[in-house]
Amino acid sequence: MRIARFSAAGSDPRYGVVEGAPGEEEILVVSGDPLFTPLNPTGERVPLADARLLAPVIPRSKVLGIGRNYADHAAELGNEVPAEPLVFTVPNTSVAGPGDPLPIPGWAGEELHYEGELAVVIRRLCKDVPRERVGEVVFGYTVANDVTARSLQKSDGQWWRAKGADGFTPLGPWIETDLDPADLRIVTRLADGPAEEGGVVQDGRTSSMVHDVPSIIAHVSRAMTLLPGDVVLTGTPAGVGPVRAGQRVDVEVEGIGTLSTPFTAPQD
């Protein structure tokens, strides 16, 4: 099931279930927030083409990232593979929606990188989740671009600014609730304009993760309580690289869809 958060005709954000064949999709509107209330269709349908998709979840608490979780990505940046998941936090203010332009901050330097990833959305409050019960606390999966100011990641030491700036965590296009994350293809394409066809810059599979989704959730929940709507990024495969103003990054995760982010002119 594909759960979208959207607005249409100037409405406040709403939720719905995306149904239909490609090119003919409609959003079956539901009342309330599916993370906290049962799915209750209102009977209203909105053509997907008439809706503006928003970030499918705005975490009330936190976004957690996992660094160096693909051996080929760790190697391309000259890093060792960590024995345990390397966890970092970014604020919920870093979350942006599909298609939202990302103005490149002037302080980000010359190396603002894309990182296509699978993201996990947490269903309910949980702590100390055993690996074999992780499926009980996962609401679904979405696509993420863990945008990173690479030079600042190196110079700051802490990653709060390099990965946590406003807009640096685009999510979307929706949450897929029926998905096995064990072996999904992740493809990132870099295009030179909004109407251009992008070339493939990343092409990996989640089966290549050093630490799989159950291991990650079990690990982080030993240290901190996870809340409904928390998002856990699972790492990026090899092929990361710089993006400049005027380019668009499309991240596609098999079984979910494509998240597009246009990058715009630097801002001070």
C-alpha atoms as a PDB file:
ATOM      1  CA  MET A   1       0.000   0.000   0.000  1.00  0.00           C
ATOM      2  CA  ARG A   2       1.320   3.432  -0.947  1.00  0.00           C
ATOM      3  CA  ILE A   3       0.549   6.113   1.645  1.00  0.00           C
ATOM      4  CA  ALA A   4       1.013   9.684   0.408  1.00  0.00           C
ATOM      5  CA  ARG A   5       0.872  13.047   2.116  1.00  0.00           C
ATOM      6  CA  PHE A   6      -0.290  15.738  -0.287  1.00  0.00           C
ATOM      7  CA  SER A   7      -2.088  18.983  -0.900  1.00  0.00           C
ATOM      8  CA  ALA A   8      -4.407  19.834  -3.770  1.00  0.00           C
ATOM      9  CA  ALA A   9      -6.096  23.055  -4.850  1.00  0.00           C
ATOM     10  CA  GLY A  10      -4.551  24.922  -1.939  1.00  0.00           C
ATOM     11  CA  SER A  11      -5.791  22.509   0.711  1.00  0.00           C
ATOM     12  CA  ASP A  12      -4.007  21.785   3.970  1.00  0.00           C
ATOM     13  CA  PRO A  13      -1.849  18.634   3.946  1.00  0.00           C
ATOM     14  CA  ARG A  14      -3.872  15.423   3.817  1.00  0.00           C
ATOM     15  CA  TYR A  15      -3.157  11.725   3.546  1.00  0.00           C
ATOM     16  CA  GLY A  16      -4.308   9.164   1.057  1.00  0.00           C
ATOM     17  CA  VAL A  17      -3.705   5.795  -0.551  1.00  0.00           C
ATOM     18  CA  VAL A  18      -2.227   5.925  -4.060  1.00  0.00           C
ATOM     19  CA  GLU A  19      -3.995   3.510  -6.397  1.00  0.00           C
ATOM     20  CA  GLY A  20      -4.076   2.818 -10.129  1.00  0.00           C
ATOM     21  CA  ALA A  21      -1.816   1.972 -13.022  1.00  0.00           C
ATOM     22  CA  PRO A  22       1.208   4.159 -13.851  1.00  0.00           C
ATOM     23  CA  GLY A  23       0.017   7.370 -15.439  1.00  0.00           C
ATOM     24  CA  GLU A  24      -3.529   6.867 -14.161  1.00  0.00           C
ATOM     25  CA  GLU A  25      -2.976   6.994 -10.399  1.00  0.00           C
ATOM     26  CA  GLU A  26      -5.493   8.476  -8.013  1.00  0.00           C
ATOM     27  CA  ILE A  27      -5.225   9.294  -4.331  1.00  0.00           C
ATOM     28  CA  LEU A  28      -7.996   7.814  -2.200  1.00  0.00           C
ATOM     29  CA  VAL A  29      -8.218  10.397   0.575  1.00  0.00           C
ATOM     30  CA  VAL A  30      -8.275   9.160   4.172  1.00  0.00           C
ATOM     31  CA  SER A  31      -9.102  11.027   7.353  1.00  0.00           C
ATOM     32  CA  GLY A  32      -6.452  11.673   9.983  1.00  0.00           C
ATOM     33  CA  ASP A  33      -2.833  10.558  10.071  1.00  0.00           C
ATOM     34  CA  PRO A  34      -2.374   6.846   9.241  1.00  0.00           C
ATOM     35  CA  LEU A  35       0.473   6.625  11.744  1.00  0.00           C
ATOM     36  CA  PHE A  36      -1.941   7.370  14.570  1.00  0.00           C
ATOM     37  CA  THR A  37      -5.427   6.485  13.334  1.00  0.00           C
ATOM     38  CA  PRO A  38      -6.889   3.565  11.360  1.00  0.00           C
ATOM     39  CA  LEU A  39      -7.198   4.052   7.612  1.00  0.00           C
ATOM     40  CA  ASN A  40     -10.628   5.556   7.083  1.00  0.00           C
ATOM     41  CA  PRO A  41     -11.357   6.397   3.424  1.00  0.00           C
ATOM     42  CA  THR A  42     -13.475   9.512   2.960  1.00  0.00           C
ATOM     43  CA  GLY A  43     -14.652   8.472  -0.503  1.00  0.00           C
ATOM     44  CA  GLU A  44     -12.934  11.437  -2.129  1.00  0.00           C
ATOM     45  CA  ARG A  45     -10.474  10.725  -4.916  1.00  0.00           C
ATOM     46  CA  VAL A  46      -7.871  13.131  -6.249  1.00  0.00           C
ATOM     47  CA  PRO A  47      -5.962  12.476  -9.485  1.00  0.00           C
ATOM     48  CA  LEU A  48      -2.292  12.173  -8.641  1.00  0.00           C
ATOM     49  CA  ALA A  49      -1.550  14.615 -11.465  1.00  0.00           C
ATOM     50  CA  ASP A  50      -3.604  17.271  -9.646  1.00  0.00           C
ATOM     51  CA  ALA A  51      -1.864  16.802  -6.290  1.00  0.00           C
ATOM     52  CA  ARG A  52       1.350  18.188  -4.914  1.00  0.00           C
ATOM     53  CA  LEU A  53       3.142  15.430  -3.076  1.00  0.00           C
ATOM     54  CA  LEU A  54       4.676  16.459   0.244  1.00  0.00           C
ATOM     55  CA  ALA A  55       7.224  14.725   2.435  1.00  0.00           C
ATOM     56  CA  PRO A  56       5.314  11.546   3.335  1.00  0.00           C
ATOM     57  CA  VAL A  57       6.210  11.945   7.000  1.00  0.00           C
ATOM     58  CA  ILE A  58       7.471  14.819   9.138  1.00  0.00           C
ATOM     59  CA  PRO A  59       9.188  13.103  12.052  1.00  0.00           C
ATOM     60  CA  ARG A  60       7.911  14.452  15.355  1.00  0.00           C
ATOM     61  CA  SER A  61      11.153  13.412  16.974  1.00  0.00           C
ATOM     62  CA  LYS A  62      14.169  12.563  14.836  1.00  0.00           C
ATOM     63  CA  VAL A  63      15.850  11.258  11.732  1.00  0.00           C
ATOM     64  CA  LEU A  64      18.680   8.775  12.233  1.00  0.00           C
ATOM     65  CA  GLY A  65      21.270   8.070   9.563  1.00  0.00           C
ATOM     66  CA  ILE A  66      23.620   5.124   9.138  1.00  0.00           C
ATOM     67  CA  GLY A  67      27.054   5.928   7.780  1.00  0.00           C
ATOM     68  CA  ARG A  68      29.353   3.690   5.734  1.00  0.00           C
ATOM     69  CA  ASN A  69      26.785   0.887   5.505  1.00  0.00           C
ATOM     70  CA  TYR A  70      27.910  -0.238   2.040  1.00  0.00           C
ATOM     71  CA  ALA A  71      31.489  -1.473   1.805  1.00  0.00           C
ATOM     72  CA  ASP A  72      31.971   0.000  -1.680  1.00  0.00           C
ATOM     73  CA  HIS A  73      30.870   3.443  -0.498  1.00  0.00           C
ATOM     74  CA  ALA A  74      33.126   3.310   2.567  1.00  0.00           C
ATOM     75  CA  ALA A  75      36.023   2.351   0.299  1.00  0.00           C
ATOM     76  CA  GLU A  76      35.416   5.134  -2.239  1.00  0.00           C
ATOM     77  CA  LEU A  77      35.822   7.730   0.528  1.00  0.00           C
ATOM     78  CA  GLY A  78      38.797   5.956   2.086  1.00  0.00           C
ATOM     79  CA  ASN A  79      36.983   4.757   5.200  1.00  0.00           C
ATOM     80  CA  GLU A  80      36.877   1.469   7.048  1.00  0.00           C
ATOM     81  CA  VAL A  81      33.633  -0.475   7.414  1.00  0.00           C
ATOM     82  CA  PRO A  82      32.370  -0.051  11.000  1.00  0.00           C
ATOM     83  CA  ALA A  83      31.863  -3.179  13.103  1.00  0.00           C
ATOM     84  CA  GLU A  84      28.572  -1.770  14.389  1.00  0.00           C
ATOM     85  CA  PRO A  85      26.145   0.581  12.618  1.00  0.00           C
ATOM     86  CA  LEU A  86      27.614   4.097  12.572  1.00  0.00           C
ATOM     87  CA  VAL A  87      24.659   6.206  13.683  1.00  0.00           C
ATOM     88  CA  PHE A  88      24.214   9.958  13.357  1.00  0.00           C
ATOM     89  CA  THR A  89      21.204  12.198  13.961  1.00  0.00           C
ATOM     90  CA  VAL A  90      19.768  15.023  11.888  1.00  0.00           C
ATOM     91  CA  PRO A  91      16.881  17.293  12.911  1.00  0.00           C
ATOM     92  CA  ASN A  92      13.393  16.935  11.503  1.00  0.00           C
ATOM     93  CA  THR A  93      13.801  20.419   9.994  1.00  0.00           C
ATOM     94  CA  SER A  94      16.127  18.839   7.412  1.00  0.00           C
ATOM     95  CA  VAL A  95      13.201  16.948   5.857  1.00  0.00           C
ATOM     96  CA  ALA A  96      11.896  18.141   2.470  1.00  0.00           C
ATOM     97  CA  GLY A  97       9.368  16.729   0.049  1.00  0.00           C
ATOM     98  CA  PRO A  98       9.561  15.317  -3.469  1.00  0.00           C
ATOM     99  CA  GLY A  99      10.218  18.015  -6.033  1.00  0.00           C
ATOM    100  CA  ASP A 100      11.060  20.646  -3.417  1.00  0.00           C
ATOM    101  CA  PRO A 101      13.903  22.829  -4.728  1.00  0.00           C
ATOM    102  CA  LEU A 102      17.019  22.749  -2.577  1.00  0.00           C
ATOM    103  CA  PRO A 103      18.906  26.072  -2.637  1.00  0.00           C
ATOM    104  CA  ILE A 104      22.581  25.267  -2.234  1.00  0.00           C
ATOM    105  CA  PRO A 105      23.891  27.108   0.860  1.00  0.00           C
ATOM    106  CA  GLY A 106      26.819  29.375   0.155  1.00  0.00           C
ATOM    107  CA  TRP A 107      28.652  27.931   3.163  1.00  0.00           C
ATOM    108  CA  ALA A 108      28.372  24.347   1.866  1.00  0.00           C
ATOM    109  CA  GLY A 109      31.534  24.599  -0.207  1.00  0.00           C
ATOM    110  CA  GLU A 110      32.188  22.997  -3.576  1.00  0.00           C
ATOM    111  CA  GLU A 111      31.322  19.440  -2.611  1.00  0.00           C
ATOM    112  CA  LEU A 112      27.605  19.137  -1.996  1.00  0.00           C
ATOM    113  CA  HIS A 113      26.951  15.438  -2.623  1.00  0.00           C
ATOM    114  CA  TYR A 114      23.867  13.334  -3.327  1.00  0.00           C
ATOM    115  CA  GLU A 115      23.383  10.013  -1.488  1.00  0.00           C
ATOM    116  CA  GLY A 116      20.455   7.849  -2.602  1.00  0.00           C
ATOM    117  CA  GLU A 117      19.072   5.648   0.160  1.00  0.00           C
ATOM    118  CA  LEU A 118      16.256   3.460   1.439  1.00  0.00           C
ATOM    119  CA  ALA A 119      14.509   4.975   4.468  1.00  0.00           C
ATOM    120  CA  VAL A 120      12.545   3.177   7.191  1.00  0.00           C
ATOM    121  CA  VAL A 121       9.503   4.788   8.854  1.00  0.00           C
ATOM    122  CA  ILE A 122       8.761   3.639  12.416  1.00  0.00           C
ATOM    123  CA  ARG A 123       5.204   2.614  13.274  1.00  0.00           C
ATOM    124  CA  ARG A 124       5.013   2.857  17.071  1.00  0.00           C
ATOM    125  CA  LEU A 125       6.891   3.727  20.226  1.00  0.00           C
ATOM    126  CA  CYS A 126       9.485   1.036  20.824  1.00  0.00           C
ATOM    127  CA  LYS A 127      12.675   0.272  22.737  1.00  0.00           C
ATOM    128  CA  ASP A 128      15.043  -2.716  22.798  1.00  0.00           C
ATOM    129  CA  VAL A 129      13.441  -4.295  19.738  1.00  0.00           C
ATOM    130  CA  PRO A 130      14.755  -7.825  19.056  1.00  0.00           C
ATOM    131  CA  ARG A 131      15.949  -8.358  15.528  1.00  0.00           C
ATOM    132  CA  GLU A 132      13.252 -10.965  14.861  1.00  0.00           C
ATOM    133  CA  ARG A 133      10.473  -8.520  15.853  1.00  0.00           C
ATOM    134  CA  VAL A 134      11.619  -5.457  13.892  1.00  0.00           C
ATOM    135  CA  GLY A 135       8.846  -5.969  11.333  1.00  0.00           C
ATOM    136  CA  GLU A 136       6.282  -5.256  14.058  1.00  0.00           C
ATOM    137  CA  VAL A 137       7.562  -1.694  14.569  1.00  0.00           C
ATOM    138  CA  VAL A 138       8.063  -0.693  10.912  1.00  0.00           C
ATOM    139  CA  PHE A 139       5.247   1.250   9.245  1.00  0.00           C
ATOM    140  CA  GLY A 140       6.841   1.207   5.821  1.00  0.00           C
ATOM    141  CA  TYR A 141       9.623   2.423   3.572  1.00  0.00           C
ATOM    142  CA  THR A 142      10.324   5.493   1.482  1.00  0.00           C
ATOM    143  CA  VAL A 143      13.139   6.971  -0.617  1.00  0.00           C
ATOM    144  CA  ALA A 144      15.708   9.408   0.750  1.00  0.00           C
ATOM    145  CA  ASN A 145      18.505  11.605  -0.527  1.00  0.00           C
ATOM    146  CA  ASP A 146      20.985  12.116   2.315  1.00  0.00           C
ATOM    147  CA  VAL A 147      22.441  15.362   0.946  1.00  0.00           C
ATOM    148  CA  THR A 148      25.906  15.959   2.382  1.00  0.00           C
ATOM    149  CA  ALA A 149      28.274  18.923   2.401  1.00  0.00           C
ATOM    150  CA  ARG A 150      31.309  16.664   2.069  1.00  0.00           C
ATOM    151  CA  SER A 151      34.045  19.182   2.844  1.00  0.00           C
ATOM    152  CA  LEU A 152      32.245  20.249   6.026  1.00  0.00           C
ATOM    153  CA  GLN A 153      31.688  16.633   7.021  1.00  0.00           C
ATOM    154  CA  LYS A 154      35.465  16.294   7.020  1.00  0.00           C
ATOM    155  CA  SER A 155      36.340  19.627   8.623  1.00  0.00           C
ATOM    156  CA  ASP A 156      33.600  19.827  11.273  1.00  0.00           C
ATOM    157  CA  GLY A 157      34.066  16.327  12.647  1.00  0.00           C
ATOM    158  CA  GLN A 158      30.464  16.380  13.838  1.00  0.00           C
ATOM    159  CA  TRP A 159      27.971  15.953  10.982  1.00  0.00           C
ATOM    160  CA  TRP A 160      25.189  18.234  12.269  1.00  0.00           C
ATOM    161  CA  ARG A 161      25.761  20.884   9.601  1.00  0.00           C
ATOM    162  CA  ALA A 162      27.033  18.714   6.762  1.00  0.00           C
ATOM    163  CA  LYS A 163      23.943  16.493   6.804  1.00  0.00           C
ATOM    164  CA  GLY A 164      21.364  18.284   8.950  1.00  0.00           C
ATOM    165  CA  ALA A 165      20.870  21.642   7.255  1.00  0.00           C
ATOM    166  CA  ASP A 166      17.398  22.724   6.151  1.00  0.00           C
ATOM    167  CA  GLY A 167      16.245  20.666   3.183  1.00  0.00           C
ATOM    168  CA  PHE A 168      19.151  18.212   3.285  1.00  0.00           C
ATOM    169  CA  THR A 169      16.888  15.161   3.813  1.00  0.00           C
ATOM    170  CA  PRO A 170      14.393  14.941   0.936  1.00  0.00           C
ATOM    171  CA  LEU A 171      11.907  12.070   1.408  1.00  0.00           C
ATOM    172  CA  GLY A 172       9.241  10.619  -0.896  1.00  0.00           C
ATOM    173  CA  PRO A 173       7.346  10.154  -3.029  1.00  0.00           C
ATOM    174  CA  TRP A 174       5.243   8.127  -0.543  1.00  0.00           C
ATOM    175  CA  ILE A 175       5.504   5.349   2.032  1.00  0.00           C
ATOM    176  CA  GLU A 176       5.231   1.776   0.785  1.00  0.00           C
ATOM    177  CA  THR A 177       3.876  -0.427   3.585  1.00  0.00           C
ATOM    178  CA  ASP A 178       4.141  -3.814   1.837  1.00  0.00           C
ATOM    179  CA  LEU A 179       7.791  -4.313   1.026  1.00  0.00           C
ATOM    180  CA  ASP A 180      10.637  -6.672   1.840  1.00  0.00           C
ATOM    181  CA  PRO A 181      13.758  -4.481   2.146  1.00  0.00           C
ATOM    182  CA  ALA A 182      16.255  -7.333   1.911  1.00  0.00           C
ATOM    183  CA  ASP A 183      17.224  -7.014  -1.768  1.00  0.00           C
ATOM    184  CA  LEU A 184      16.013  -3.845  -3.474  1.00  0.00           C
ATOM    185  CA  ARG A 185      17.767  -1.992  -6.271  1.00  0.00           C
ATOM    186  CA  ILE A 186      18.733   1.635  -5.581  1.00  0.00           C
ATOM    187  CA  VAL A 187      19.488   3.793  -8.634  1.00  0.00           C
ATOM    188  CA  THR A 188      20.465   7.466  -8.531  1.00  0.00           C
ATOM    189  CA  ARG A 189      20.437   9.578 -11.690  1.00  0.00           C
ATOM    190  CA  LEU A 190      21.937  13.041 -12.147  1.00  0.00           C
ATOM    191  CA  ALA A 191      20.331  15.320 -14.754  1.00  0.00           C
ATOM    192  CA  ASP A 192      21.472  18.731 -16.000  1.00  0.00           C
ATOM    193  CA  GLY A 193      17.994  20.274 -16.037  1.00  0.00           C
ATOM    194  CA  PRO A 194      14.368  19.746 -15.055  1.00  0.00           C
ATOM    195  CA  ALA A 195      13.425  18.196 -18.394  1.00  0.00           C
ATOM    196  CA  GLU A 196      16.608  16.196 -18.944  1.00  0.00           C
ATOM    197  CA  GLU A 197      17.044  12.441 -18.745  1.00  0.00           C
ATOM    198  CA  GLY A 198      19.540  11.732 -16.005  1.00  0.00           C
ATOM    199  CA  GLY A 199      22.585   9.513 -16.241  1.00  0.00           C
ATOM    200  CA  VAL A 200      23.051   6.741 -13.686  1.00  0.00           C
ATOM    201  CA  VAL A 201      25.592   7.638 -10.992  1.00  0.00           C
ATOM    202  CA  GLN A 202      24.660   5.072  -8.319  1.00  0.00           C
ATOM    203  CA  ASP A 203      23.394   1.530  -8.846  1.00  0.00           C
ATOM    204  CA  GLY A 204      23.348  -0.773  -5.840  1.00  0.00           C
ATOM    205  CA  ARG A 205      21.221  -3.267  -3.928  1.00  0.00           C
ATOM    206  CA  THR A 206      20.156  -3.311  -0.300  1.00  0.00           C
ATOM    207  CA  SER A 207      21.436  -6.875  -0.081  1.00  0.00           C
ATOM    208  CA  SER A 208      24.918  -5.297  -0.095  1.00  0.00           C
ATOM    209  CA  MET A 209      24.309  -3.467   3.176  1.00  0.00           C
ATOM    210  CA  VAL A 210      26.874  -4.266   5.856  1.00  0.00           C
ATOM    211  CA  HIS A 211      24.098  -4.072   8.467  1.00  0.00           C
ATOM    212  CA  ASP A 212      20.596  -4.949   7.264  1.00  0.00           C
ATOM    213  CA  VAL A 213      17.365  -3.251   8.355  1.00  0.00           C
ATOM    214  CA  PRO A 214      16.594  -5.601  11.286  1.00  0.00           C
ATOM    215  CA  SER A 215      20.152  -5.197  12.592  1.00  0.00           C
ATOM    216  CA  ILE A 216      19.980  -1.413  12.319  1.00  0.00           C
ATOM    217  CA  ILE A 217      16.645  -1.038  14.115  1.00  0.00           C
ATOM    218  CA  ALA A 218      17.654  -3.492  16.835  1.00  0.00           C
ATOM    219  CA  HIS A 219      20.921  -1.599  17.340  1.00  0.00           C
ATOM    220  CA  VAL A 220      19.538   1.936  17.545  1.00  0.00           C
ATOM    221  CA  SER A 221      16.578   0.907  19.728  1.00  0.00           C
ATOM    222  CA  ARG A 222      18.956  -0.440  22.357  1.00  0.00           C
ATOM    223  CA  ALA A 223      20.220   3.078  22.938  1.00  0.00           C
ATOM    224  CA  MET A 224      17.158   5.239  22.373  1.00  0.00           C
ATOM    225  CA  THR A 225      13.399   5.046  22.204  1.00  0.00           C
ATOM    226  CA  LEU A 226      11.967   5.238  18.706  1.00  0.00           C
ATOM    227  CA  LEU A 227       8.697   7.110  18.224  1.00  0.00           C
ATOM    228  CA  PRO A 228       5.949   6.894  15.597  1.00  0.00           C
ATOM    229  CA  GLY A 229       7.115   8.667  12.450  1.00  0.00           C
ATOM    230  CA  ASP A 230      10.813   8.504  13.244  1.00  0.00           C
ATOM    231  CA  VAL A 231      12.831   7.913  10.075  1.00  0.00           C
ATOM    232  CA  VAL A 232      15.951   5.761   9.824  1.00  0.00           C
ATOM    233  CA  LEU A 233      18.151   6.178   6.740  1.00  0.00           C
ATOM    234  CA  THR A 234      20.025   3.000   5.885  1.00  0.00           C
ATOM    235  CA  GLY A 235      23.127   4.174   4.038  1.00  0.00           C
ATOM    236  CA  THR A 236      24.133   4.736   0.431  1.00  0.00           C
ATOM    237  CA  PRO A 237      25.920   2.596  -2.159  1.00  0.00           C
ATOM    238  CA  ALA A 238      29.018   3.701  -4.059  1.00  0.00           C
ATOM    239  CA  GLY A 239      28.882   6.445  -6.658  1.00  0.00           C
ATOM    240  CA  VAL A 240      28.305   9.540  -4.538  1.00  0.00           C
ATOM    241  CA  GLY A 241      29.426  12.788  -6.069  1.00  0.00           C
ATOM    242  CA  PRO A 242      28.862  16.527  -6.336  1.00  0.00           C
ATOM    243  CA  VAL A 243      25.737  18.262  -7.544  1.00  0.00           C
ATOM    244  CA  ARG A 244      25.589  21.852  -8.745  1.00  0.00           C
ATOM    245  CA  ALA A 245      22.878  24.455  -9.168  1.00  0.00           C
ATOM    246  CA  GLY A 246      20.605  23.696 -12.112  1.00  0.00           C
ATOM    247  CA  GLN A 247      20.949  19.947 -11.783  1.00  0.00           C
ATOM    248  CA  ARG A 248      18.312  17.455 -10.595  1.00  0.00           C
ATOM    249  CA  VAL A 249      18.895  14.262  -8.614  1.00  0.00           C
ATOM    250  CA  ASP A 250      16.452  11.363  -9.036  1.00  0.00           C
ATOM    251  CA  VAL A 251      16.680   8.494  -6.559  1.00  0.00           C
ATOM    252  CA  GLU A 252      14.688   5.369  -7.405  1.00  0.00           C
ATOM    253  CA  VAL A 253      14.192   2.478  -4.995  1.00  0.00           C
ATOM    254  CA  GLU A 254      12.705  -0.707  -6.404  1.00  0.00           C
ATOM    255  CA  GLY A 255       9.159  -1.317  -5.198  1.00  0.00           C
ATOM    256  CA  ILE A 256       8.646   2.274  -4.011  1.00  0.00           C
ATOM    257  CA  GLY A 257       9.229   4.871  -6.714  1.00  0.00           C
ATOM    258  CA  THR A 258      11.371   7.884  -7.554  1.00  0.00           C
ATOM    259  CA  LEU A 259      12.276  10.907  -5.446  1.00  0.00           C
ATOM    260  CA  SER A 260      13.328  13.975  -7.437  1.00  0.00           C
ATOM    261  CA  THR A 261      15.184  16.978  -6.037  1.00  0.00           C
ATOM    262  CA  PRO A 262      16.140  20.033  -8.131  1.00  0.00           C
ATOM    263  CA  PHE A 263      19.126  22.017  -6.843  1.00  0.00           C
ATOM    264  CA  THR A 264      19.050  25.784  -7.239  1.00  0.00           C
ATOM    265  CA  ALA A 265      21.474  28.687  -7.052  1.00  0.00           C
ATOM    266  CA  PRO A 266      23.685  29.123  -3.997  1.00  0.00           C
ATOM    267  CA  GLN A 267      22.408  31.273  -1.162  1.00  0.00           C
ATOM    268  CA  ASP A 268      24.375  33.028   1.569  1.00  0.00           C
END
